[in-house]
Amino acid sequence: MPAVRRATKEDMPVIRDLLRGFRENHTPDFPHDFEYFSSLVEAVIDQPAALILLLDEDQGILIGMMLPTQFSLQPVAQELIWYTRKESDRRGIRLLKEYLNWAREKKSTHALCALKHEHPLMERMGFNQVQVGYYKRLEYDE
């Protein structure tokens, strides 16, 4: 059974490697400053409103935060990154379950997740689809 645990600052080399994997597999042409982003992750790693989970040390990561939404200042659990290496895809559900436990511990009224594609597992777990996200690279004549 895969082990899920909270990350510490000592895990930053592993976290950086997983963030690179996430980047390569999700929106590789979207603007990204890797050093800036990894420094933000490191800055919040010990904060009570942040959750950074690792799967089997280096097989997956989930980053969540308790944040207000655009609709209310009431903080809700928001998954920011959920990534597992291809060989561990089916085990990534352990990260989601631990994220939901954390959200309950924080007394969050809701838990949000963003996925690249619709996934029937999410509905079986009681999630409702809220939106489908898209992005477009804008081209300009110079």
C-alpha atoms as a PDB file:
ATOM      1  CA  MET A   1       0.000   0.000   0.000  1.00  0.00           C
ATOM      2  CA  PRO A   2       1.454   3.391  -0.936  1.00  0.00           C
ATOM      3  CA  ALA A   3       2.475   5.718   1.847  1.00  0.00           C
ATOM      4  CA  VAL A   4       1.212   9.310   1.882  1.00  0.00           C
ATOM      5  CA  ARG A   5       2.809  11.846   4.144  1.00  0.00           C
ATOM      6  CA  ARG A   6       3.107  15.585   4.645  1.00  0.00           C
ATOM      7  CA  ALA A   7       6.141  17.125   3.028  1.00  0.00           C
ATOM      8  CA  THR A   8       8.780  19.092   4.919  1.00  0.00           C
ATOM      9  CA  LYS A   9      11.347  21.629   3.748  1.00  0.00           C
ATOM     10  CA  GLU A  10      13.863  18.783   3.569  1.00  0.00           C
ATOM     11  CA  ASP A  11      11.724  17.327   0.757  1.00  0.00           C
ATOM     12  CA  MET A  12      12.198  20.341  -1.526  1.00  0.00           C
ATOM     13  CA  PRO A  13      14.523  18.481  -3.977  1.00  0.00           C
ATOM     14  CA  VAL A  14      11.831  15.801  -4.442  1.00  0.00           C
ATOM     15  CA  ILE A  15       9.094  18.444  -4.594  1.00  0.00           C
ATOM     16  CA  ARG A  16      10.985  20.369  -7.278  1.00  0.00           C
ATOM     17  CA  ASP A  17      11.375  17.189  -9.317  1.00  0.00           C
ATOM     18  CA  LEU A  18       7.646  16.461  -9.056  1.00  0.00           C
ATOM     19  CA  LEU A  19       6.794  20.063  -9.964  1.00  0.00           C
ATOM     20  CA  ARG A  20       8.917  19.664 -13.099  1.00  0.00           C
ATOM     21  CA  GLY A  21       6.989  16.494 -13.950  1.00  0.00           C
ATOM     22  CA  PHE A  22       3.706  18.324 -13.425  1.00  0.00           C
ATOM     23  CA  ARG A  23       4.894  21.132 -15.686  1.00  0.00           C
ATOM     24  CA  GLU A  24       5.911  18.756 -18.474  1.00  0.00           C
ATOM     25  CA  ASN A  25       2.536  16.988 -18.355  1.00  0.00           C
ATOM     26  CA  HIS A  26       0.206  19.980 -17.889  1.00  0.00           C
ATOM     27  CA  THR A  27       0.111  23.118 -20.021  1.00  0.00           C
ATOM     28  CA  PRO A  28       3.796  23.103 -21.024  1.00  0.00           C
ATOM     29  CA  ASP A  29       3.401  26.313 -23.045  1.00  0.00           C
ATOM     30  CA  PHE A  30       1.616  28.278 -20.295  1.00  0.00           C
ATOM     31  CA  PRO A  31       3.784  31.005 -18.669  1.00  0.00           C
ATOM     32  CA  HIS A  32       5.754  29.510 -15.837  1.00  0.00           C
ATOM     33  CA  ASP A  33       8.620  30.725 -13.685  1.00  0.00           C
ATOM     34  CA  PHE A  34       9.833  27.550 -12.039  1.00  0.00           C
ATOM     35  CA  GLU A  35      12.061  29.235  -9.448  1.00  0.00           C
ATOM     36  CA  TYR A  36       9.309  31.621  -8.408  1.00  0.00           C
ATOM     37  CA  PHE A  37       6.741  28.850  -8.129  1.00  0.00           C
ATOM     38  CA  SER A  38       8.979  26.459  -6.199  1.00  0.00           C
ATOM     39  CA  SER A  39       9.943  29.295  -3.821  1.00  0.00           C
ATOM     40  CA  LEU A  40       6.230  29.888  -3.122  1.00  0.00           C
ATOM     41  CA  VAL A  41       5.757  26.202  -2.364  1.00  0.00           C
ATOM     42  CA  GLU A  42       8.733  26.248  -0.016  1.00  0.00           C
ATOM     43  CA  ALA A  43       7.455  29.415   1.702  1.00  0.00           C
ATOM     44  CA  VAL A  44       4.071  27.856   2.568  1.00  0.00           C
ATOM     45  CA  ILE A  45       5.171  24.299   3.316  1.00  0.00           C
ATOM     46  CA  ASP A  46       4.886  24.782   7.092  1.00  0.00           C
ATOM     47  CA  GLN A  47       1.814  27.035   7.067  1.00  0.00           C
ATOM     48  CA  PRO A  48      -1.382  25.702   8.683  1.00  0.00           C
ATOM     49  CA  ALA A  49      -3.462  26.803   5.665  1.00  0.00           C
ATOM     50  CA  ALA A  50      -1.275  24.783   3.280  1.00  0.00           C
ATOM     51  CA  LEU A  51      -1.077  21.085   2.564  1.00  0.00           C
ATOM     52  CA  ILE A  52       1.740  19.461   0.614  1.00  0.00           C
ATOM     53  CA  LEU A  53       1.514  15.695   0.401  1.00  0.00           C
ATOM     54  CA  LEU A  54       3.972  13.213  -1.081  1.00  0.00           C
ATOM     55  CA  LEU A  55       3.147   9.742  -2.366  1.00  0.00           C
ATOM     56  CA  ASP A  56       5.796   7.043  -1.820  1.00  0.00           C
ATOM     57  CA  GLU A  57       8.463   9.733  -1.370  1.00  0.00           C
ATOM     58  CA  ASP A  58       8.748  10.683  -5.026  1.00  0.00           C
ATOM     59  CA  GLN A  59       5.823   9.170  -6.931  1.00  0.00           C
ATOM     60  CA  GLY A  60       3.267  11.943  -6.548  1.00  0.00           C
ATOM     61  CA  ILE A  61       2.353  15.256  -4.989  1.00  0.00           C
ATOM     62  CA  LEU A  62      -0.779  17.099  -3.995  1.00  0.00           C
ATOM     63  CA  ILE A  63      -0.740  20.746  -2.986  1.00  0.00           C
ATOM     64  CA  GLY A  64      -3.808  22.222  -1.365  1.00  0.00           C
ATOM     65  CA  MET A  65      -4.638  25.451   0.412  1.00  0.00           C
ATOM     66  CA  MET A  66      -7.460  26.805   2.502  1.00  0.00           C
ATOM     67  CA  LEU A  67      -8.414  29.895   0.486  1.00  0.00           C
ATOM     68  CA  PRO A  68     -11.408  32.129  -0.082  1.00  0.00           C
ATOM     69  CA  THR A  69     -13.087  31.850  -3.478  1.00  0.00           C
ATOM     70  CA  GLN A  70     -14.199  34.592  -5.824  1.00  0.00           C
ATOM     71  CA  PHE A  71     -17.687  34.109  -4.361  1.00  0.00           C
ATOM     72  CA  SER A  72     -17.001  34.336  -0.627  1.00  0.00           C
ATOM     73  CA  LEU A  73     -14.317  35.132   1.915  1.00  0.00           C
ATOM     74  CA  GLN A  74     -15.133  31.813   3.642  1.00  0.00           C
ATOM     75  CA  PRO A  75     -11.995  29.685   3.130  1.00  0.00           C
ATOM     76  CA  VAL A  76     -12.515  26.359   1.403  1.00  0.00           C
ATOM     77  CA  ALA A  77     -10.056  23.592   0.612  1.00  0.00           C
ATOM     78  CA  GLN A  78      -8.640  24.073  -2.868  1.00  0.00           C
ATOM     79  CA  GLU A  79      -6.422  21.568  -4.614  1.00  0.00           C
ATOM     80  CA  LEU A  80      -3.798  23.471  -6.595  1.00  0.00           C
ATOM     81  CA  ILE A  81      -1.693  20.634  -7.976  1.00  0.00           C
ATOM     82  CA  TRP A  82      -2.382  16.926  -8.007  1.00  0.00           C
ATOM     83  CA  TYR A  83       0.206  14.992  -9.957  1.00  0.00           C
ATOM     84  CA  THR A  84       1.434  11.420  -9.986  1.00  0.00           C
ATOM     85  CA  ARG A  85       4.096   9.940 -12.183  1.00  0.00           C
ATOM     86  CA  LYS A  86       2.668   7.838 -14.996  1.00  0.00           C
ATOM     87  CA  GLU A  87       3.716   4.536 -13.389  1.00  0.00           C
ATOM     88  CA  SER A  88       1.846   5.504 -10.200  1.00  0.00           C
ATOM     89  CA  ASP A  89      -1.325   7.023 -11.664  1.00  0.00           C
ATOM     90  CA  ARG A  90      -3.708   4.543 -10.078  1.00  0.00           C
ATOM     91  CA  ARG A  91      -2.196   5.097  -6.633  1.00  0.00           C
ATOM     92  CA  GLY A  92      -2.709   8.878  -6.717  1.00  0.00           C
ATOM     93  CA  ILE A  93      -6.173   8.433  -5.248  1.00  0.00           C
ATOM     94  CA  ARG A  94      -4.451   8.074  -1.873  1.00  0.00           C
ATOM     95  CA  LEU A  95      -3.352  11.706  -2.169  1.00  0.00           C
ATOM     96  CA  LEU A  96      -6.934  12.799  -2.833  1.00  0.00           C
ATOM     97  CA  LYS A  97      -8.273  10.870   0.151  1.00  0.00           C
ATOM     98  CA  GLU A  98      -5.709  12.428   2.470  1.00  0.00           C
ATOM     99  CA  TYR A  99      -6.524  15.883   1.051  1.00  0.00           C
ATOM    100  CA  LEU A 100     -10.204  15.297   1.877  1.00  0.00           C
ATOM    101  CA  ASN A 101      -9.279  14.217   5.420  1.00  0.00           C
ATOM    102  CA  TRP A 102      -7.251  17.409   5.821  1.00  0.00           C
ATOM    103  CA  ALA A 103     -10.164  19.521   4.528  1.00  0.00           C
ATOM    104  CA  ARG A 104     -12.442  17.920   7.113  1.00  0.00           C
ATOM    105  CA  GLU A 105      -9.890  18.534   9.881  1.00  0.00           C
ATOM    106  CA  LYS A 106      -9.848  22.202   8.847  1.00  0.00           C
ATOM    107  CA  LYS A 107     -13.658  22.256   9.001  1.00  0.00           C
ATOM    108  CA  SER A 108     -13.862  23.301   5.359  1.00  0.00           C
ATOM    109  CA  THR A 109     -17.387  23.373   3.983  1.00  0.00           C
ATOM    110  CA  HIS A 110     -16.199  22.271   0.530  1.00  0.00           C
ATOM    111  CA  ALA A 111     -13.205  20.728  -1.210  1.00  0.00           C
ATOM    112  CA  LEU A 112     -12.376  21.818  -4.748  1.00  0.00           C
ATOM    113  CA  CYS A 113     -10.323  19.865  -7.282  1.00  0.00           C
ATOM    114  CA  ALA A 114      -9.243  20.742 -10.807  1.00  0.00           C
ATOM    115  CA  LEU A 115      -8.604  17.977 -13.315  1.00  0.00           C
ATOM    116  CA  LYS A 116      -7.383  18.109 -16.880  1.00  0.00           C
ATOM    117  CA  HIS A 117     -10.202  15.817 -18.048  1.00  0.00           C
ATOM    118  CA  GLU A 118     -13.565  14.701 -16.747  1.00  0.00           C
ATOM    119  CA  HIS A 119     -13.156  11.643 -14.575  1.00  0.00           C
ATOM    120  CA  PRO A 120     -15.999   9.322 -13.485  1.00  0.00           C
ATOM    121  CA  LEU A 121     -14.151   8.465 -10.259  1.00  0.00           C
ATOM    122  CA  MET A 122     -14.709  11.995  -8.997  1.00  0.00           C
ATOM    123  CA  GLU A 123     -18.480  11.674  -9.294  1.00  0.00           C
ATOM    124  CA  ARG A 124     -18.380   8.234  -7.649  1.00  0.00           C
ATOM    125  CA  MET A 125     -16.545   9.903  -4.749  1.00  0.00           C
ATOM    126  CA  GLY A 126     -19.342  12.463  -4.413  1.00  0.00           C
ATOM    127  CA  PHE A 127     -17.828  15.385  -6.318  1.00  0.00           C
ATOM    128  CA  ASN A 128     -19.992  17.556  -8.577  1.00  0.00           C
ATOM    129  CA  GLN A 129     -18.521  19.024 -11.735  1.00  0.00           C
ATOM    130  CA  VAL A 130     -18.410  22.806 -11.522  1.00  0.00           C
ATOM    131  CA  GLN A 131     -16.584  23.863 -14.643  1.00  0.00           C
ATOM    132  CA  VAL A 132     -14.266  22.840 -17.425  1.00  0.00           C
ATOM    133  CA  GLY A 133     -11.203  25.045 -17.811  1.00  0.00           C
ATOM    134  CA  TYR A 134      -9.477  26.098 -21.004  1.00  0.00           C
ATOM    135  CA  TYR A 135      -6.616  28.361 -21.858  1.00  0.00           C
ATOM    136  CA  LYS A 136      -5.535  29.909 -25.145  1.00  0.00           C
ATOM    137  CA  ARG A 137      -2.174  31.238 -26.120  1.00  0.00           C
ATOM    138  CA  LEU A 138      -2.683  34.711 -27.594  1.00  0.00           C
ATOM    139  CA  GLU A 139      -0.676  35.686 -30.641  1.00  0.00           C
ATOM    140  CA  TYR A 140       0.106  39.302 -31.558  1.00  0.00           C
ATOM    141  CA  ASP A 141       1.323  40.963 -34.720  1.00  0.00           C
ATOM    142  CA  GLU A 142       4.475  42.899 -34.052  1.00  0.00           C
END
